[in-house]
Amino acid sequence: MTRSRAQDPNVCGVTAAIAVIDGKWKTSLLWLLESGPHRPGELRRRLPGLSEKVLTQALREMEQDGLVHRDVHDVLPPKTVYSLTEFGQDLATALNPLAEWGYRRLDRLRPSEAAAS
């Protein structure tokens, strides 16, 4: 899905929402930031396999979409902290029922995995 779909007024609301969180890492970043502000290094440590380049790109896109706030402290070395905006919190809250559905789906898959072994 292209990022332009996130701004297209002629798509359904679900498509517009998914366009904002599309990608491998954005939902995980949203989930981590829901617990409070984090520095980029903390986010990378909590998400093994996430490169600095991809983290920076995802956070910039999330900032452009109004989901995260980037706070740069004027100290040496520079200190940057990311947190969810109110709009980002709204999205996290809206995704909670979907997460619950996902957990129920995973629970349903577990018995079939045990039977297949």
C-alpha atoms as a PDB file:
ATOM      1  CA  MET A   1       0.000   0.000   0.000  1.00  0.00           C
ATOM      2  CA  THR A   2       1.386   3.393  -0.880  1.00  0.00           C
ATOM      3  CA  ARG A   3       1.670   6.268   1.563  1.00  0.00           C
ATOM      4  CA  SER A   4      -0.496   8.377  -0.749  1.00  0.00           C
ATOM      5  CA  ARG A   5      -3.450   6.150   0.205  1.00  0.00           C
ATOM      6  CA  ALA A   6      -3.225   7.617   3.712  1.00  0.00           C
ATOM      7  CA  GLN A   7      -4.246  11.031   2.321  1.00  0.00           C
ATOM      8  CA  ASP A   8      -6.663   9.878  -0.381  1.00  0.00           C
ATOM      9  CA  PRO A   9     -10.170  11.071   0.609  1.00  0.00           C
ATOM     10  CA  ASN A  10     -11.728   8.498  -1.750  1.00  0.00           C
ATOM     11  CA  VAL A  11     -10.733   5.392   0.223  1.00  0.00           C
ATOM     12  CA  CYS A  12     -12.568   3.783   3.105  1.00  0.00           C
ATOM     13  CA  GLY A  13     -11.542   4.743   6.634  1.00  0.00           C
ATOM     14  CA  VAL A  14      -9.980   1.351   7.365  1.00  0.00           C
ATOM     15  CA  THR A  15      -7.726   1.668   4.299  1.00  0.00           C
ATOM     16  CA  ALA A  16      -6.702   5.182   5.357  1.00  0.00           C
ATOM     17  CA  ALA A  17      -5.898   3.940   8.881  1.00  0.00           C
ATOM     18  CA  ILE A  18      -3.940   0.913   7.692  1.00  0.00           C
ATOM     19  CA  ALA A  19      -1.935   3.102   5.304  1.00  0.00           C
ATOM     20  CA  VAL A  20      -0.667   5.021   8.340  1.00  0.00           C
ATOM     21  CA  ILE A  21       0.509   1.887  10.205  1.00  0.00           C
ATOM     22  CA  ASP A  22       1.543  -0.122   7.160  1.00  0.00           C
ATOM     23  CA  GLY A  23       4.951  -1.731   7.359  1.00  0.00           C
ATOM     24  CA  LYS A  24       6.791  -4.215   9.496  1.00  0.00           C
ATOM     25  CA  TRP A  25       7.690  -1.966  12.436  1.00  0.00           C
ATOM     26  CA  LYS A  26       5.111   0.796  12.882  1.00  0.00           C
ATOM     27  CA  THR A  27       2.636  -1.196  14.966  1.00  0.00           C
ATOM     28  CA  SER A  28       5.477  -2.374  17.234  1.00  0.00           C
ATOM     29  CA  LEU A  29       6.727   1.200  17.588  1.00  0.00           C
ATOM     30  CA  LEU A  30       3.209   2.388  18.360  1.00  0.00           C
ATOM     31  CA  TRP A  31       2.878  -0.354  20.997  1.00  0.00           C
ATOM     32  CA  LEU A  32       6.204   0.564  22.652  1.00  0.00           C
ATOM     33  CA  LEU A  33       5.508   4.299  22.598  1.00  0.00           C
ATOM     34  CA  GLU A  34       2.107   3.676  24.161  1.00  0.00           C
ATOM     35  CA  SER A  35       3.960   2.879  27.409  1.00  0.00           C
ATOM     36  CA  GLY A  36       5.692   6.261  27.401  1.00  0.00           C
ATOM     37  CA  PRO A  37       8.454   8.302  25.745  1.00  0.00           C
ATOM     38  CA  HIS A  38      11.497   6.470  24.387  1.00  0.00           C
ATOM     39  CA  ARG A  39      14.846   7.417  22.924  1.00  0.00           C
ATOM     40  CA  PRO A  40      15.699   5.921  19.513  1.00  0.00           C
ATOM     41  CA  GLY A  41      18.379   3.665  20.996  1.00  0.00           C
ATOM     42  CA  GLU A  42      15.858   2.213  23.457  1.00  0.00           C
ATOM     43  CA  LEU A  43      13.448   1.475  20.625  1.00  0.00           C
ATOM     44  CA  ARG A  44      16.158  -0.300  18.628  1.00  0.00           C
ATOM     45  CA  ARG A  45      17.165  -2.420  21.635  1.00  0.00           C
ATOM     46  CA  ARG A  46      13.553  -3.422  22.240  1.00  0.00           C
ATOM     47  CA  LEU A  47      13.050  -4.385  18.576  1.00  0.00           C
ATOM     48  CA  PRO A  48      15.906  -6.656  17.478  1.00  0.00           C
ATOM     49  CA  GLY A  49      16.339  -6.637  13.717  1.00  0.00           C
ATOM     50  CA  LEU A  50      15.212  -3.028  13.318  1.00  0.00           C
ATOM     51  CA  SER A  51      17.965  -1.046  11.604  1.00  0.00           C
ATOM     52  CA  GLU A  52      18.694   2.566  12.462  1.00  0.00           C
ATOM     53  CA  LYS A  53      17.775   3.627   8.915  1.00  0.00           C
ATOM     54  CA  VAL A  54      14.377   1.915   8.995  1.00  0.00           C
ATOM     55  CA  LEU A  55      13.689   3.192  12.528  1.00  0.00           C
ATOM     56  CA  THR A  56      14.434   6.761  11.438  1.00  0.00           C
ATOM     57  CA  GLN A  57      12.254   6.406   8.352  1.00  0.00           C
ATOM     58  CA  ALA A  58       9.326   4.913  10.289  1.00  0.00           C
ATOM     59  CA  LEU A  59       9.498   7.548  13.027  1.00  0.00           C
ATOM     60  CA  ARG A  60       9.659  10.364  10.454  1.00  0.00           C
ATOM     61  CA  GLU A  61       6.604   8.996   8.653  1.00  0.00           C
ATOM     62  CA  MET A  62       4.760   8.588  11.953  1.00  0.00           C
ATOM     63  CA  GLU A  63       5.698  12.162  12.854  1.00  0.00           C
ATOM     64  CA  GLN A  64       4.418  13.421   9.466  1.00  0.00           C
ATOM     65  CA  ASP A  65       1.164  11.536  10.080  1.00  0.00           C
ATOM     66  CA  GLY A  66       0.785  13.224  13.472  1.00  0.00           C
ATOM     67  CA  LEU A  67       1.213  10.031  15.508  1.00  0.00           C
ATOM     68  CA  VAL A  68       4.482  10.800  17.284  1.00  0.00           C
ATOM     69  CA  HIS A  69       6.127  13.869  18.705  1.00  0.00           C
ATOM     70  CA  ARG A  70       9.884  14.297  18.362  1.00  0.00           C
ATOM     71  CA  ASP A  71      11.451  16.234  21.224  1.00  0.00           C
ATOM     72  CA  VAL A  72      15.070  17.291  20.676  1.00  0.00           C
ATOM     73  CA  HIS A  73      16.858  18.418  23.847  1.00  0.00           C
ATOM     74  CA  ASP A  74      19.564  21.038  23.400  1.00  0.00           C
ATOM     75  CA  VAL A  75      22.377  19.181  25.162  1.00  0.00           C
ATOM     76  CA  LEU A  76      25.663  17.610  24.089  1.00  0.00           C
ATOM     77  CA  PRO A  77      25.451  14.997  22.795  1.00  0.00           C
ATOM     78  CA  PRO A  78      21.991  15.745  21.353  1.00  0.00           C
ATOM     79  CA  LYS A  79      19.169  13.868  23.032  1.00  0.00           C
ATOM     80  CA  THR A  80      16.020  12.983  21.092  1.00  0.00           C
ATOM     81  CA  VAL A  81      12.905  11.519  22.676  1.00  0.00           C
ATOM     82  CA  TYR A  82       9.827  10.231  20.860  1.00  0.00           C
ATOM     83  CA  SER A  83       6.352  10.042  22.360  1.00  0.00           C
ATOM     84  CA  LEU A  84       2.832   9.508  21.096  1.00  0.00           C
ATOM     85  CA  THR A  85       0.735  12.532  20.325  1.00  0.00           C
ATOM     86  CA  GLU A  86      -2.891  12.632  21.388  1.00  0.00           C
ATOM     87  CA  PHE A  87      -3.755  11.533  17.835  1.00  0.00           C
ATOM     88  CA  GLY A  88      -1.300   8.633  18.173  1.00  0.00           C
ATOM     89  CA  GLN A  89      -2.899   7.663  21.494  1.00  0.00           C
ATOM     90  CA  ASP A  90      -6.278   7.700  19.763  1.00  0.00           C
ATOM     91  CA  LEU A  91      -4.942   5.280  17.156  1.00  0.00           C
ATOM     92  CA  ALA A  92      -3.441   3.000  19.824  1.00  0.00           C
ATOM     93  CA  THR A  93      -6.784   2.941  21.619  1.00  0.00           C
ATOM     94  CA  ALA A  94      -8.609   2.206  18.377  1.00  0.00           C
ATOM     95  CA  LEU A  95      -6.230  -0.694  17.654  1.00  0.00           C
ATOM     96  CA  ASN A  96      -6.789  -2.371  21.043  1.00  0.00           C
ATOM     97  CA  PRO A  97      -9.875  -4.336  19.889  1.00  0.00           C
ATOM     98  CA  LEU A  98      -7.942  -5.481  16.821  1.00  0.00           C
ATOM     99  CA  ALA A  99      -5.090  -6.635  19.076  1.00  0.00           C
ATOM    100  CA  GLU A 100      -7.562  -8.588  21.212  1.00  0.00           C
ATOM    101  CA  TRP A 101      -8.916 -10.245  18.078  1.00  0.00           C
ATOM    102  CA  GLY A 102      -5.342 -11.096  17.080  1.00  0.00           C
ATOM    103  CA  TYR A 103      -4.672 -12.749  20.450  1.00  0.00           C
ATOM    104  CA  ARG A 104      -7.871 -14.796  20.111  1.00  0.00           C
ATOM    105  CA  ARG A 105      -6.746 -15.867  16.655  1.00  0.00           C
ATOM    106  CA  LEU A 106      -3.378 -16.958  18.027  1.00  0.00           C
ATOM    107  CA  ASP A 107      -5.146 -18.932  20.766  1.00  0.00           C
ATOM    108  CA  ARG A 108      -7.209 -20.713  18.103  1.00  0.00           C
ATOM    109  CA  LEU A 109      -4.066 -21.628  16.181  1.00  0.00           C
ATOM    110  CA  ARG A 110      -2.297 -23.175  19.169  1.00  0.00           C
ATOM    111  CA  PRO A 111      -4.384 -26.382  19.436  1.00  0.00           C
ATOM    112  CA  SER A 112      -3.997 -27.097  15.719  1.00  0.00           C
ATOM    113  CA  GLU A 113      -0.213 -26.687  16.047  1.00  0.00           C
ATOM    114  CA  ALA A 114      -0.104 -29.212  18.900  1.00  0.00           C
ATOM    115  CA  ALA A 115      -2.237 -31.688  16.944  1.00  0.00           C
ATOM    116  CA  ALA A 116       0.029 -31.378  13.904  1.00  0.00           C
ATOM    117  CA  SER A 117       3.136 -32.320  15.946  1.00  0.00           C
END
